[in-house]
């Protein structure tokens, strides 16, 4: 129906719209009912006159065409003037105006030209009924209607006439006069028939939605259980046992549990601690014994790290410790020096022309290469390679270092002498300036 109305309004082949004169007044943008029916006869393949008039009545009753001087939305095959409704107020826009909007419209009509926009009997009755219904809000309704009336007065006279008639036709459609058919109401029987036709497809759609929801929930549970399978689970007894062994191992070095020897110089007058730390010829046995706790304890001790360096040089793998130390220094330098330090470490140990290449597998090397190329200013881009080298030293070089006869001998001497100083030549003699 709307496509037919668009053809009627087209400039070529549409219904001629003009400004008509009626006595001393001008009626803008209108056409006669005879011209409307004539256009239907010319452009539609319908020979029956009754069918044409029925189609014309349907177009008017749905609000697309309306008479200018009548509240009844019908079409007469005479010289009665009609006007097209603006597309903004077409029924396809699903307008659902309520009584509040209707009250504002009727109140505005009482403020305008009473000769031209005088309320009909049914509109006056509706206004009185709405005034009782909205008695508490009527002052606000009046102010809103007054504001709309002021806006309408600023418009051009011809434009105001057209808009007033279109608004009146809109309310004649949604609030028709007594005896007229309201085409905006839903037909309950027709709606019921449509619902029966849609019942079976909707049941299938509902079943499909429920199935999808069940499958998504099932997949989420599967992912949850897979994550639980990958998670390590340890018994409480095993955790307690590990914690007790850790406490027993480090209790000898905990000043809150065991009296420290030498005593803490900050809480005592003894300077033995500083003398032992500054000694270039002897290393305390308790420090040597702590090297066997793990590679992290060995690297934490400057003397132990230097002994480990000499051992790696004998095994021709000192570049691993050198690379690890360079990565540790990288985490402590200033931000402006990070990029140059990263490139230097990469060129020295990981590049194709590196001077001290380290042993990395292809996957780790490719990952580190991508990190360096994408963001060389990130101080943590070499962490994956550092962790790999640390594990390599821990599993291979560190175990052989611990099994050395020399280390075993000093561990035995540390057990015999308690926490006294063991006679152990310190290789840091020539590196003492770096750690003191």
Protein backbone atom coordinates (compact mmCIF):
# COMPACT_ATOMS: atom_id res chain seq x y z
CA UNK A 1 0.00 0.00 0.00
CA UNK A 2 2.82 2.41 0.80
CA UNK A 3 4.51 1.72 -2.54
CA UNK A 4 1.22 2.66 -4.21
CA UNK A 5 1.10 5.91 -2.22
CA UNK A 6 4.68 6.69 -3.27
CA UNK A 7 3.66 6.26 -6.92
CA UNK A 8 0.74 8.64 -6.33
CA UNK A 9 3.09 11.26 -4.86
CA UNK A 10 5.73 11.01 -7.59
CA UNK A 11 6.32 14.03 -9.78
CA UNK A 12 5.93 12.01 -12.97
CA UNK A 13 2.69 10.11 -13.35
CA UNK A 14 1.39 10.93 -9.88
CA UNK A 15 -1.76 12.71 -8.75
CA UNK A 16 -1.50 16.45 -9.46
CA UNK A 17 -1.34 18.34 -6.16
CA UNK A 18 -2.21 22.03 -6.29
CA UNK A 19 -3.46 24.97 -4.26
CA UNK A 20 -7.23 25.28 -4.65
CA UNK A 21 -9.42 28.32 -4.03
CA UNK A 22 -12.62 27.89 -2.09
CA UNK A 23 -14.61 31.10 -1.84
CA UNK A 24 -12.15 33.58 -0.30
CA UNK A 25 -9.73 31.01 1.16
CA UNK A 26 -6.86 29.06 -0.34
CA UNK A 27 -6.40 25.34 0.33
CA UNK A 28 -2.72 24.40 -0.21
CA UNK A 29 -1.36 21.03 -1.45
CA UNK A 30 -4.64 19.25 -2.06
CA UNK A 31 -6.40 17.16 -4.70
CA UNK A 32 -9.98 16.10 -5.31
CA UNK A 33 -11.52 12.72 -4.70
CA UNK A 34 -12.40 12.48 -8.40
CA UNK A 35 -8.72 12.90 -9.34
CA UNK A 36 -7.80 10.23 -6.82
CA UNK A 37 -10.27 7.70 -8.25
CA UNK A 38 -9.30 8.61 -11.82
CA UNK A 39 -5.64 7.87 -11.05
CA UNK A 40 -6.59 4.46 -9.68
CA UNK A 41 -8.58 3.68 -12.82
CA UNK A 42 -5.71 4.76 -15.07
CA UNK A 43 -2.81 3.06 -13.28
CA UNK A 44 -4.40 -0.10 -11.86
CA UNK A 45 -5.72 -3.03 -13.83
CA UNK A 46 -9.09 -3.02 -12.07
CA UNK A 47 -12.31 -2.71 -14.06
CA UNK A 48 -14.85 -3.08 -11.26
CA UNK A 49 -15.81 0.33 -9.87
CA UNK A 50 -16.78 -1.13 -6.49
CA UNK A 51 -13.35 -2.68 -6.05
CA UNK A 52 -11.70 0.64 -6.87
CA UNK A 53 -13.81 2.47 -4.30
CA UNK A 54 -13.11 -0.25 -1.73
CA UNK A 55 -9.35 0.16 -2.32
CA UNK A 56 -9.70 3.94 -2.01
CA UNK A 57 -11.59 3.54 1.29
CA UNK A 58 -8.87 1.20 2.62
CA UNK A 59 -6.13 3.71 1.75
CA UNK A 60 -8.03 6.48 3.51
CA UNK A 61 -9.08 4.39 6.53
CA UNK A 62 -5.41 3.51 7.16
CA UNK A 63 -4.51 7.20 7.26
CA UNK A 64 -2.49 7.59 4.06
CA UNK A 65 -5.04 9.97 2.50
CA UNK A 66 -7.52 12.07 4.49
CA UNK A 67 -10.30 14.58 3.77
CA UNK A 68 -9.51 18.14 4.78
CA UNK A 69 -12.90 19.16 6.21
CA UNK A 70 -14.18 15.88 7.64
CA UNK A 71 -13.29 13.56 10.52
CA UNK A 72 -14.51 10.44 8.70
CA UNK A 73 -11.66 8.80 6.76
CA UNK A 74 -13.41 7.85 3.51
CA UNK A 75 -13.01 8.75 -0.17
CA UNK A 76 -15.81 10.24 -2.26
CA UNK A 77 -15.73 10.35 -6.05
CA UNK A 78 -16.48 14.07 -6.20
CA UNK A 79 -14.76 17.42 -5.74
CA UNK A 80 -14.08 16.96 -2.02
CA UNK A 81 -10.54 18.02 -1.19
CA UNK A 82 -8.02 15.49 0.17
CA UNK A 83 -4.41 15.60 1.25
CA UNK A 84 -1.58 13.09 1.61
CA UNK A 85 -0.37 12.21 5.09
CA UNK A 86 3.29 12.88 5.84
CA UNK A 87 5.41 9.67 5.82
CA UNK A 88 6.50 10.40 9.38
CA UNK A 89 2.95 9.67 10.60
CA UNK A 90 2.32 6.57 8.50
CA UNK A 91 1.01 3.50 10.38
CA UNK A 92 4.09 1.49 9.37
CA UNK A 93 6.10 3.49 11.93
CA UNK A 94 4.16 1.62 14.65
CA UNK A 95 2.82 4.67 16.43
CA UNK A 96 1.12 3.83 19.72
CA UNK A 97 -0.06 7.17 21.13
CA UNK A 98 -1.57 7.13 24.61
CA UNK A 99 -4.26 9.24 26.25
CA UNK A 100 -1.68 11.63 27.65
CA UNK A 101 -0.55 12.65 24.14
CA UNK A 102 -4.18 12.94 23.06
CA UNK A 103 -4.90 15.24 26.01
CA UNK A 104 -1.98 17.51 25.03
CA UNK A 105 -3.27 17.64 21.44
CA UNK A 106 -6.86 18.52 22.43
CA UNK A 107 -5.67 21.13 24.90
CA UNK A 108 -3.52 22.70 22.18
CA UNK A 109 -6.53 22.76 19.84
CA UNK A 110 -8.43 24.91 22.33
CA UNK A 111 -5.64 27.53 22.22
CA UNK A 112 -5.56 27.85 18.43
CA UNK A 113 -7.93 29.28 15.82
CA UNK A 114 -11.33 28.14 17.09
CA UNK A 115 -13.05 28.83 13.79
CA UNK A 116 -10.68 26.56 11.88
CA UNK A 117 -9.78 24.05 14.60
CA UNK A 118 -12.92 23.94 16.67
CA UNK A 119 -13.36 20.72 18.62
CA UNK A 120 -15.97 18.27 17.42
CA UNK A 121 -18.55 16.91 19.85
CA UNK A 122 -16.71 13.63 20.44
CA UNK A 123 -13.43 15.51 20.89
CA UNK A 124 -14.97 17.87 23.46
CA UNK A 125 -16.33 14.87 25.37
CA UNK A 126 -12.93 13.18 25.23
CA UNK A 127 -11.27 16.37 26.51
CA UNK A 128 -13.62 16.53 29.51
CA UNK A 129 -13.02 12.86 30.28
CA UNK A 130 -9.24 13.21 30.03
CA UNK A 131 -9.31 16.33 32.19
CA UNK A 132 -10.87 14.27 34.97
CA UNK A 133 -8.45 11.39 34.44
CA UNK A 134 -5.34 13.60 34.50
CA UNK A 135 -6.59 16.11 37.04
CA UNK A 136 -3.33 16.04 38.98
CA UNK A 137 -1.21 16.42 35.85
CA UNK A 138 -3.43 18.84 33.99
CA UNK A 139 -1.33 21.89 34.79
CA UNK A 140 1.71 20.21 33.28
CA UNK A 141 -0.35 19.10 30.25
CA UNK A 142 -1.54 22.68 29.77
CA UNK A 143 2.02 24.04 29.90
CA UNK A 144 3.20 21.45 27.40
CA UNK A 145 0.32 22.24 25.04
CA UNK A 146 1.03 25.96 25.35
CA UNK A 147 4.68 25.41 24.46
CA UNK A 148 3.70 23.43 21.35
CA UNK A 149 1.22 26.12 20.34
CA UNK A 150 3.94 28.78 20.57
CA UNK A 151 6.17 26.71 18.30
CA UNK A 152 3.33 26.33 15.78
CA UNK A 153 2.73 30.10 15.70
CA UNK A 154 6.29 30.71 14.52
CA UNK A 155 5.71 28.63 11.38
CA UNK A 156 4.52 29.94 8.05
CA UNK A 157 0.75 30.23 7.71
CA UNK A 158 0.44 27.75 4.83
CA UNK A 159 2.81 25.29 6.49
CA UNK A 160 0.86 25.59 9.74
CA UNK A 161 -2.40 24.77 7.96
CA UNK A 162 -0.94 21.65 6.36
CA UNK A 163 0.65 20.40 9.59
CA UNK A 164 -2.52 21.02 11.61
CA UNK A 165 -4.61 19.03 9.15
CA UNK A 166 -2.11 16.15 9.11
CA UNK A 167 -2.03 16.05 12.91
CA UNK A 168 -5.81 16.09 13.03
CA UNK A 169 -5.96 13.20 10.54
CA UNK A 170 -3.46 11.28 12.67
CA UNK A 171 -5.74 11.50 15.70
CA UNK A 172 -8.82 10.76 13.59
CA UNK A 173 -7.07 7.50 12.72
CA UNK A 174 -6.04 6.55 16.28
CA UNK A 175 -9.04 8.13 18.07
CA UNK A 176 -11.80 7.84 15.42
CA UNK A 177 -15.20 9.46 15.64
CA UNK A 178 -18.12 7.34 16.90
CA UNK A 179 -19.31 4.91 14.22
CA UNK A 180 -15.97 4.82 12.37
CA UNK A 181 -13.76 1.74 12.14
CA UNK A 182 -10.47 1.87 14.03
CA UNK A 183 -7.99 0.18 11.69
CA UNK A 184 -5.17 0.44 14.24
CA UNK A 185 -6.78 -2.10 16.57
CA UNK A 186 -5.63 -5.70 16.31
CA UNK A 187 -8.00 -8.37 15.06
CA UNK A 188 -7.97 -11.02 17.79
CA UNK A 189 -9.18 -13.84 15.54
CA UNK A 190 -6.60 -13.04 12.90
CA UNK A 191 -3.87 -12.83 15.51
CA UNK A 192 -4.93 -16.19 16.93
CA UNK A 193 -4.72 -17.81 13.49
CA UNK A 194 -1.25 -16.36 12.94
CA UNK A 195 -0.11 -17.65 16.32
CA UNK A 196 -1.26 -21.16 15.43
CA UNK A 197 0.79 -21.01 12.24
CA UNK A 198 3.83 -19.84 14.19
CA UNK A 199 3.43 -22.30 17.06
CA UNK A 200 5.23 -25.23 15.43
CA UNK A 201 8.25 -23.22 14.12
CA UNK A 202 8.56 -21.54 17.51
CA UNK A 203 8.61 -24.90 19.28
CA UNK A 204 11.40 -26.06 16.96
CA UNK A 205 13.31 -22.83 17.58
CA UNK A 206 12.87 -23.18 21.35
CA UNK A 207 14.15 -26.76 21.23
CA UNK A 208 17.15 -25.62 19.19
CA UNK A 209 17.95 -22.81 21.66
CA UNK A 210 17.69 -25.18 24.64
CA UNK A 211 19.98 -27.66 22.90
CA UNK A 212 22.57 -24.96 22.18
CA UNK A 213 22.46 -23.78 25.79
CA UNK A 214 22.95 -27.34 27.04
CA UNK A 215 25.88 -27.91 24.66
CA UNK A 216 27.57 -24.66 25.66
CA UNK A 217 27.20 -25.56 29.34
CA UNK A 218 28.57 -29.04 28.66
CA UNK A 219 31.59 -27.63 26.80
CA UNK A 220 32.32 -25.21 29.64
CA UNK A 221 32.25 -28.09 32.13
CA UNK A 222 34.60 -30.14 29.92
CA UNK A 223 37.07 -27.23 29.79
CA UNK A 224 36.82 -26.85 33.56
CA UNK A 225 37.56 -30.54 34.17
CA UNK A 226 40.46 -30.48 31.71
CA UNK A 227 41.94 -27.56 33.62
CA UNK A 228 41.54 -29.46 36.88
CA UNK A 229 43.33 -32.48 35.40
CA UNK A 230 46.30 -30.33 34.42
CA UNK A 231 46.54 -28.73 37.85
CA UNK A 232 48.95 -30.35 40.28
CA UNK A 233 47.41 -31.66 43.45
CA UNK A 234 49.52 -32.52 46.50
CA UNK A 235 48.36 -34.08 49.73
CA UNK A 236 48.43 -31.99 52.89
CA UNK A 237 50.73 -34.54 54.53
CA UNK A 238 53.21 -34.19 51.66
CA UNK A 239 53.08 -30.40 51.88
CA UNK A 240 53.65 -30.54 55.64
CA UNK A 241 56.57 -32.90 55.18
CA UNK A 242 58.20 -30.60 52.61
CA UNK A 243 57.64 -27.58 54.83
CA UNK A 244 59.20 -29.32 57.82
CA UNK A 245 62.23 -30.43 55.82
CA UNK A 246 62.66 -26.88 54.53
CA UNK A 247 62.46 -25.51 58.08
CA UNK A 248 64.98 -28.04 59.36
CA UNK A 249 67.33 -27.27 56.50
CA UNK A 250 67.29 -23.50 57.03
CA UNK A 251 66.91 -23.48 60.82
CA UNK A 252 70.70 -23.41 61.19
CA UNK A 253 70.76 -20.12 59.27
CA UNK A 254 67.78 -18.49 60.99
CA UNK A 255 68.95 -16.14 63.77
CA UNK A 256 65.51 -16.33 65.40
CA UNK A 257 65.91 -20.10 65.88
CA UNK A 258 69.67 -20.62 66.21
CA UNK A 259 72.23 -18.26 67.65
CA UNK A 260 74.16 -16.93 64.71
CA UNK A 261 77.90 -17.43 64.50
CA UNK A 262 79.52 -15.09 64.01
CA UNK A 263 77.05 -12.87 65.92
CA UNK A 264 75.12 -10.13 64.18
CA UNK A 265 77.32 -7.00 64.29
CA UNK A 266 74.26 -4.72 64.40
CA UNK A 267 73.06 -6.09 67.74
CA UNK A 268 76.42 -7.02 69.31
CA UNK A 269 79.84 -5.48 69.72
CA UNK A 270 81.59 -8.28 67.82
CA UNK A 271 83.20 -7.57 64.44
CA UNK A 272 83.86 -11.19 63.54
CA UNK A 273 81.18 -11.11 60.87
CA UNK A 274 82.86 -8.28 58.96
CA UNK A 275 86.27 -9.89 59.30
CA UNK A 276 85.00 -13.15 57.86
CA UNK A 277 83.27 -11.35 55.00
CA UNK A 278 86.41 -9.38 54.16
CA UNK A 279 88.71 -12.41 54.34
CA UNK A 280 90.37 -13.16 51.03
CA UNK A 281 91.90 -16.48 52.09
CA UNK A 282 89.20 -18.29 54.02
CA UNK A 283 85.47 -18.86 53.41
CA UNK A 284 83.18 -19.81 56.31
CA UNK A 285 82.11 -23.43 56.26
CA UNK A 286 78.45 -22.51 56.77
CA UNK A 287 78.54 -20.59 53.50
CA UNK A 288 80.04 -23.55 51.67
CA UNK A 289 77.46 -25.90 53.12
CA UNK A 290 74.65 -23.63 51.93
CA UNK A 291 75.80 -23.92 48.32
CA UNK A 292 74.45 -27.46 48.22
CA UNK A 293 70.87 -26.27 48.90
CA UNK A 294 70.36 -25.29 45.31
CA UNK A 295 71.71 -23.34 42.37
CA UNK A 296 69.90 -20.21 43.52
CA UNK A 297 71.82 -20.31 46.83
CA UNK A 298 75.10 -20.85 45.02
CA UNK A 299 74.54 -17.89 42.67
CA UNK A 300 73.35 -15.71 45.55
CA UNK A 301 76.75 -16.02 47.24
CA UNK A 302 79.46 -14.00 45.39
CA UNK A 303 82.18 -16.46 46.41
CA UNK A 304 80.09 -19.43 45.38
CA UNK A 305 79.29 -17.81 42.05
CA UNK A 306 82.98 -17.24 41.37
CA UNK A 307 83.83 -20.87 42.21
CA UNK A 308 81.03 -21.96 39.89
CA UNK A 309 82.41 -19.69 37.15
CA UNK A 310 85.84 -21.31 37.39
CA UNK A 311 84.22 -24.73 37.22
CA UNK A 312 82.26 -23.76 34.10
CA UNK A 313 85.42 -22.47 32.46
CA UNK A 314 86.96 -25.90 32.90
CA UNK A 315 83.89 -27.40 31.23
CA UNK A 316 83.93 -24.76 28.46
CA UNK A 317 80.42 -23.56 29.33
CA UNK A 318 81.13 -20.30 31.15
CA UNK A 319 79.04 -18.42 28.56
CA UNK A 320 75.88 -19.75 30.25
CA UNK A 321 76.66 -18.00 33.53
CA UNK A 322 77.81 -14.90 31.66
CA UNK A 323 74.49 -14.73 29.79
CA UNK A 324 72.50 -15.28 33.00
CA UNK A 325 74.38 -12.49 34.80
CA UNK A 326 73.87 -10.13 31.85
CA UNK A 327 70.10 -10.77 32.00
CA UNK A 328 70.12 -10.07 35.75
CA UNK A 329 71.95 -6.77 35.23
CA UNK A 330 69.46 -5.89 32.49
CA UNK A 331 66.63 -5.85 35.04
CA UNK A 332 68.37 -3.22 37.18
CA UNK A 333 69.67 -0.66 34.67
CA UNK A 334 67.88 2.55 33.75
CA UNK A 335 65.17 2.51 31.11
CA UNK A 336 67.09 4.56 28.55
CA UNK A 337 69.90 1.97 28.54
CA UNK A 338 67.65 -1.07 28.14
CA UNK A 339 67.43 -1.10 24.34
CA UNK A 340 71.18 -0.93 23.76
CA UNK A 341 71.80 -3.54 26.49
CA UNK A 342 69.24 -5.94 25.00
CA UNK A 343 70.76 -5.66 21.53
CA UNK A 344 74.26 -6.13 22.96
CA UNK A 345 73.26 -9.28 24.88
CA UNK A 346 71.44 -10.65 21.84
CA UNK A 347 74.41 -10.04 19.54
CA UNK A 348 76.90 -11.52 22.03
CA UNK A 349 74.99 -14.69 22.93
CA UNK A 350 72.01 -15.32 20.62
CA UNK A 351 72.79 -13.82 17.22
CA UNK A 352 74.22 -15.66 14.24
CA UNK A 353 77.60 -13.91 14.63
CA UNK A 354 77.66 -14.06 18.45
CA UNK A 355 81.01 -14.33 20.23
CA UNK A 356 79.72 -16.39 23.21
CA UNK A 357 76.73 -18.36 21.91
CA UNK A 358 74.57 -20.20 24.43
CA UNK A 359 72.81 -23.50 23.86
CA UNK A 360 69.10 -22.86 23.23
CA UNK A 361 66.55 -25.00 21.43
CA UNK A 362 64.94 -23.69 18.25
CA UNK A 363 61.56 -22.87 19.80
CA UNK A 364 62.98 -20.70 22.59
CA UNK A 365 65.44 -19.00 20.25
CA UNK A 366 62.69 -18.14 17.75
CA UNK A 367 60.42 -16.80 20.51
CA UNK A 368 63.18 -14.60 21.95
CA UNK A 369 64.07 -13.36 18.47
CA UNK A 370 60.46 -12.24 17.89
CA UNK A 371 60.37 -10.49 21.27
CA UNK A 372 63.59 -8.59 20.56
CA UNK A 373 62.50 -7.58 17.06
CA UNK A 374 59.05 -6.43 18.19
CA UNK A 375 60.07 -4.49 21.33
CA UNK A 376 63.80 -4.27 22.11
CA UNK A 377 63.10 -1.67 24.82
CA UNK A 378 61.41 -4.32 26.99
CA UNK A 379 63.80 -5.39 29.73
CA UNK A 380 61.99 -8.72 30.14
CA UNK A 381 62.13 -9.87 26.50
CA UNK A 382 65.03 -12.27 27.29
CA UNK A 383 63.41 -13.92 30.33
CA UNK A 384 62.46 -17.09 28.45
CA UNK A 385 66.05 -17.65 27.34
CA UNK A 386 67.36 -16.84 30.83
CA UNK A 387 65.02 -19.39 32.43
CA UNK A 388 66.09 -22.01 29.90
CA UNK A 389 69.80 -21.43 30.62
CA UNK A 390 69.17 -21.50 34.39
CA UNK A 391 67.45 -24.89 34.11
CA UNK A 392 70.28 -26.14 31.90
CA UNK A 393 72.91 -25.17 34.49
CA UNK A 394 70.79 -26.56 37.32
CA UNK A 395 70.26 -29.98 35.74
CA UNK A 396 73.73 -30.43 34.27
CA UNK A 397 76.62 -28.25 35.47
CA UNK A 398 75.42 -27.68 39.04
CA UNK A 399 75.03 -31.40 39.76
CA UNK A 400 78.58 -32.09 38.62
CA UNK A 401 79.85 -29.14 40.64
CA UNK A 402 78.24 -30.51 43.82
CA UNK A 403 79.71 -33.97 43.21
CA UNK A 404 83.28 -32.63 43.11
CA UNK A 405 85.63 -34.18 45.62
CA UNK A 406 86.80 -30.74 46.65
CA UNK A 407 83.29 -29.62 47.58
CA UNK A 408 82.57 -32.88 49.39
CA UNK A 409 85.75 -32.45 51.41
CA UNK A 410 84.78 -29.00 52.60
CA UNK A 411 81.24 -30.09 53.37
CA UNK A 412 82.75 -32.76 55.63
CA UNK A 413 85.04 -30.23 57.25
CA UNK A 414 82.06 -27.93 57.85
CA UNK A 415 80.20 -30.74 59.63
CA UNK A 416 83.24 -31.47 61.85
CA UNK A 417 83.92 -27.86 62.75
CA UNK A 418 80.28 -26.80 63.03
CA UNK A 419 79.88 -23.28 61.81
CA UNK A 420 83.54 -22.35 62.13
CA UNK A 421 85.63 -21.15 59.25
CA UNK A 422 86.84 -23.83 56.86
CA UNK A 423 90.21 -23.52 55.20
CA UNK A 424 89.18 -23.03 51.59
CA UNK A 425 91.19 -21.00 49.10
CA UNK A 426 89.01 -18.21 47.85
CA UNK A 427 89.28 -17.74 44.07
CA UNK A 428 87.79 -14.27 44.55
CA UNK A 429 91.14 -12.96 45.65
CA UNK A 430 91.64 -11.24 42.32
CA UNK A 431 87.92 -10.31 42.07
CA UNK A 432 87.49 -8.99 45.61
CA UNK A 433 87.15 -5.43 44.41
CA UNK A 434 83.98 -6.36 42.50
CA UNK A 435 82.11 -7.64 45.54
CA UNK A 436 83.39 -5.54 48.48
